[in-house]
Amino acid sequence: MYQPSTISHQQTMNEKIRTVEFQKEKYTKNTVKFAEVQTHGQAPVIGALYVQKWFAGDSNRLKVTIEVQ
């Protein structure tokens, strides 16, 4: 049975993990809308993100890490 090496598996996993930063855009009724801070020349990964007010509080920025499985 073939098993991939740890190095190639780790490289594959690193390509599927991304940390995205967001900046507060506006308040809605129960949430805060955050806009993705884009890197020049790259397409957005998430776009807009709505977070419940009770969690977001008064924060102006968020950092979200996502992993594709």
C-alpha atoms as a PDB file:
ATOM      1  CA  MET A   1       0.000   0.000   0.000  1.00  0.00           C
ATOM      2  CA  TYR A   2       1.364   3.424  -0.976  1.00  0.00           C
ATOM      3  CA  GLN A   3       1.634   6.108   1.698  1.00  0.00           C
ATOM      4  CA  PRO A   4       2.722   9.645   0.782  1.00  0.00           C
ATOM      5  CA  SER A   5       5.749  11.011   2.570  1.00  0.00           C
ATOM      6  CA  THR A   6       5.287  13.414   5.465  1.00  0.00           C
ATOM      7  CA  ILE A   7       7.028  16.237   3.587  1.00  0.00           C
ATOM      8  CA  SER A   8       4.753  16.178   0.542  1.00  0.00           C
ATOM      9  CA  HIS A   9       1.686  15.807   2.786  1.00  0.00           C
ATOM     10  CA  GLN A  10       2.788  18.829   4.832  1.00  0.00           C
ATOM     11  CA  GLN A  11       3.377  20.898   1.694  1.00  0.00           C
ATOM     12  CA  THR A  12      -0.115  20.025   0.467  1.00  0.00           C
ATOM     13  CA  MET A  13      -1.621  21.000   3.825  1.00  0.00           C
ATOM     14  CA  ASN A  14       0.203  24.362   3.837  1.00  0.00           C
ATOM     15  CA  GLU A  15      -1.320  25.214   0.470  1.00  0.00           C
ATOM     16  CA  LYS A  16      -4.806  24.650   1.914  1.00  0.00           C
ATOM     17  CA  ILE A  17      -4.454  26.888   4.967  1.00  0.00           C
ATOM     18  CA  ARG A  18      -4.848  30.640   4.654  1.00  0.00           C
ATOM     19  CA  THR A  19      -5.115  33.503   7.138  1.00  0.00           C
ATOM     20  CA  VAL A  20      -7.269  36.374   5.917  1.00  0.00           C
ATOM     21  CA  GLU A  21      -7.576  39.817   7.508  1.00  0.00           C
ATOM     22  CA  PHE A  22     -10.783  41.850   7.608  1.00  0.00           C
ATOM     23  CA  GLN A  23     -11.583  45.485   8.327  1.00  0.00           C
ATOM     24  CA  LYS A  24     -14.885  46.693   9.785  1.00  0.00           C
ATOM     25  CA  GLU A  25     -17.168  48.060   7.093  1.00  0.00           C
ATOM     26  CA  LYS A  26     -20.492  48.758   8.855  1.00  0.00           C
ATOM     27  CA  TYR A  27     -22.929  47.735  11.562  1.00  0.00           C
ATOM     28  CA  THR A  28     -26.160  45.955  10.673  1.00  0.00           C
ATOM     29  CA  LYS A  29     -29.076  45.113  12.980  1.00  0.00           C
ATOM     30  CA  ASN A  30     -27.414  42.218  14.847  1.00  0.00           C
ATOM     31  CA  THR A  31     -24.062  41.861  13.110  1.00  0.00           C
ATOM     32  CA  VAL A  32     -20.960  43.733  12.053  1.00  0.00           C
ATOM     33  CA  LYS A  33     -19.984  43.500   8.390  1.00  0.00           C
ATOM     34  CA  PHE A  34     -16.259  43.106   7.754  1.00  0.00           C
ATOM     35  CA  ALA A  35     -14.598  43.460   4.342  1.00  0.00           C
ATOM     36  CA  GLU A  36     -11.598  41.368   3.374  1.00  0.00           C
ATOM     37  CA  VAL A  37      -8.331  43.295   3.166  1.00  0.00           C
ATOM     38  CA  GLN A  38      -7.028  42.289  -0.246  1.00  0.00           C
ATOM     39  CA  THR A  39      -3.454  41.905  -1.350  1.00  0.00           C
ATOM     40  CA  HIS A  40      -2.742  43.739  -4.608  1.00  0.00           C
ATOM     41  CA  GLY A  41      -3.249  41.422  -7.573  1.00  0.00           C
ATOM     42  CA  GLN A  42      -4.995  38.613  -5.644  1.00  0.00           C
ATOM     43  CA  ALA A  43      -8.659  37.679  -5.772  1.00  0.00           C
ATOM     44  CA  PRO A  44     -10.610  37.710  -2.496  1.00  0.00           C
ATOM     45  CA  VAL A  45     -10.769  34.405  -0.634  1.00  0.00           C
ATOM     46  CA  ILE A  46     -13.913  35.112   1.411  1.00  0.00           C
ATOM     47  CA  GLY A  47     -15.140  38.614   0.521  1.00  0.00           C
ATOM     48  CA  ALA A  48     -17.573  39.928   3.124  1.00  0.00           C
ATOM     49  CA  LEU A  49     -17.893  38.397   6.571  1.00  0.00           C
ATOM     50  CA  TYR A  50     -20.777  39.031   8.975  1.00  0.00           C
ATOM     51  CA  VAL A  51     -20.000  38.502  12.666  1.00  0.00           C
ATOM     52  CA  GLN A  52     -22.486  38.711  15.523  1.00  0.00           C
ATOM     53  CA  LYS A  53     -22.235  41.986  17.475  1.00  0.00           C
ATOM     54  CA  TRP A  54     -21.899  40.171  20.803  1.00  0.00           C
ATOM     55  CA  PHE A  55     -18.656  38.591  19.543  1.00  0.00           C
ATOM     56  CA  ALA A  56     -17.206  41.361  17.374  1.00  0.00           C
ATOM     57  CA  GLY A  57     -17.752  44.061  19.991  1.00  0.00           C
ATOM     58  CA  ASP A  58     -15.919  47.281  19.105  1.00  0.00           C
ATOM     59  CA  SER A  59     -13.124  45.622  17.135  1.00  0.00           C
ATOM     60  CA  ASN A  60     -12.123  47.240  13.858  1.00  0.00           C
ATOM     61  CA  ARG A  61     -10.162  44.297  12.462  1.00  0.00           C
ATOM     62  CA  LEU A  62     -10.444  40.501  12.420  1.00  0.00           C
ATOM     63  CA  LYS A  63      -8.035  37.764  11.428  1.00  0.00           C
ATOM     64  CA  VAL A  64      -9.547  34.466  10.252  1.00  0.00           C
ATOM     65  CA  THR A  65      -7.664  31.267   9.470  1.00  0.00           C
ATOM     66  CA  ILE A  66      -9.371  28.803   7.137  1.00  0.00           C
ATOM     67  CA  GLU A  67      -8.381  25.271   6.156  1.00  0.00           C
ATOM     68  CA  VAL A  68      -9.683  23.415   3.112  1.00  0.00           C
ATOM     69  CA  GLN A  69     -10.282  19.751   3.873  1.00  0.00           C
END
